[in-house]
Amino acid sequence: MDSKTSKILGILDDYEEREILVMIEAEEMV
């Protein structure tokens, strides 16, 4: 895997983790 692909996958992983954290925070606010 070239560095460009791994960089994109790393960004996607960060985005997914952030999305999960936002969902957890939203549930706690309810």
N, C-alpha and C. Protein backbone atom coordinates (compact mmCIF):
# COMPACT_ATOMS: atom_id res chain seq x y z
N MET A 1 0.85 -1.20 0.00
CA MET A 1 0.00 0.00 0.00
C MET A 1 0.89 1.26 0.00
N ASP A 2 0.61 2.19 -0.90
CA ASP A 2 1.45 3.39 -0.95
C ASP A 2 1.04 4.37 0.15
N SER A 3 1.93 5.34 0.41
CA SER A 3 1.69 6.28 1.52
C SER A 3 0.43 7.10 1.31
N LYS A 4 0.10 7.41 0.06
CA LYS A 4 -1.09 8.22 -0.22
C LYS A 4 -2.35 7.48 0.23
N THR A 5 -2.43 6.19 -0.10
CA THR A 5 -3.60 5.40 0.29
C THR A 5 -3.69 5.26 1.80
N SER A 6 -2.55 4.95 2.45
CA SER A 6 -2.57 4.77 3.90
C SER A 6 -2.93 6.08 4.59
N LYS A 7 -2.53 7.22 4.01
CA LYS A 7 -2.85 8.52 4.59
C LYS A 7 -4.36 8.74 4.53
N ILE A 8 -4.97 8.40 3.38
CA ILE A 8 -6.43 8.57 3.22
C ILE A 8 -7.16 7.66 4.22
N LEU A 9 -6.69 6.41 4.35
CA LEU A 9 -7.34 5.48 5.28
C LEU A 9 -7.21 6.00 6.71
N GLY A 10 -6.07 6.60 7.04
CA GLY A 10 -5.86 7.15 8.38
C GLY A 10 -6.86 8.26 8.66
N ILE A 11 -7.08 9.11 7.65
CA ILE A 11 -8.04 10.22 7.80
C ILE A 11 -9.44 9.65 8.00
N LEU A 12 -9.78 8.61 7.23
CA LEU A 12 -11.12 8.02 7.35
C LEU A 12 -11.30 7.40 8.73
N ASP A 13 -10.23 6.75 9.25
CA ASP A 13 -10.32 6.16 10.59
C ASP A 13 -10.58 7.24 11.62
N ASP A 14 -9.86 8.37 11.51
CA ASP A 14 -10.05 9.48 12.45
C ASP A 14 -11.48 9.99 12.37
N TYR A 15 -12.00 10.09 11.15
CA TYR A 15 -13.36 10.61 10.96
C TYR A 15 -14.39 9.68 11.60
N GLU A 16 -14.19 8.37 11.40
CA GLU A 16 -15.14 7.41 11.98
C GLU A 16 -15.11 7.47 13.50
N GLU A 17 -13.90 7.59 14.07
CA GLU A 17 -13.80 7.66 15.53
C GLU A 17 -14.50 8.91 16.05
N ARG A 18 -14.32 10.03 15.34
CA ARG A 18 -14.93 11.29 15.76
C ARG A 18 -16.45 11.17 15.67
N GLU A 19 -16.92 10.50 14.61
CA GLU A 19 -18.37 10.35 14.41
C GLU A 19 -18.97 9.53 15.56
N ILE A 20 -18.26 8.49 15.97
CA ILE A 20 -18.73 7.64 17.08
C ILE A 20 -18.78 8.45 18.37
N LEU A 21 -17.74 9.26 18.62
CA LEU A 21 -17.70 10.08 19.83
C LEU A 21 -18.87 11.05 19.83
N VAL A 22 -19.17 11.64 18.68
CA VAL A 22 -20.28 12.60 18.59
C VAL A 22 -21.60 11.89 18.90
N MET A 23 -21.75 10.66 18.39
CA MET A 23 -22.98 9.91 18.65
C MET A 23 -23.13 9.62 20.14
N ILE A 24 -22.02 9.25 20.79
CA ILE A 24 -22.05 8.95 22.22
C ILE A 24 -22.43 10.21 23.00
N GLU A 25 -21.82 11.34 22.63
CA GLU A 25 -22.13 12.60 23.32
C GLU A 25 -23.60 12.97 23.14
N ALA A 26 -24.12 12.76 21.94
CA ALA A 26 -25.52 13.10 21.66
C ALA A 26 -26.45 12.25 22.54
N GLU A 27 -26.11 10.97 22.73
CA GLU A 27 -26.95 10.11 23.55
C GLU A 27 -26.92 10.57 25.01
N GLU A 28 -25.76 11.03 25.47
CA GLU A 28 -25.64 11.46 26.86
C GLU A 28 -26.43 12.75 27.11
N MET A 29 -26.55 13.58 26.07
CA MET A 29 -27.26 14.85 26.23
C MET A 29 -28.77 14.65 26.36
N VAL A 30 -29.28 13.58 25.76
CA VAL A 30 -30.72 13.35 25.79
C VAL A 30 -31.20 13.07 27.21
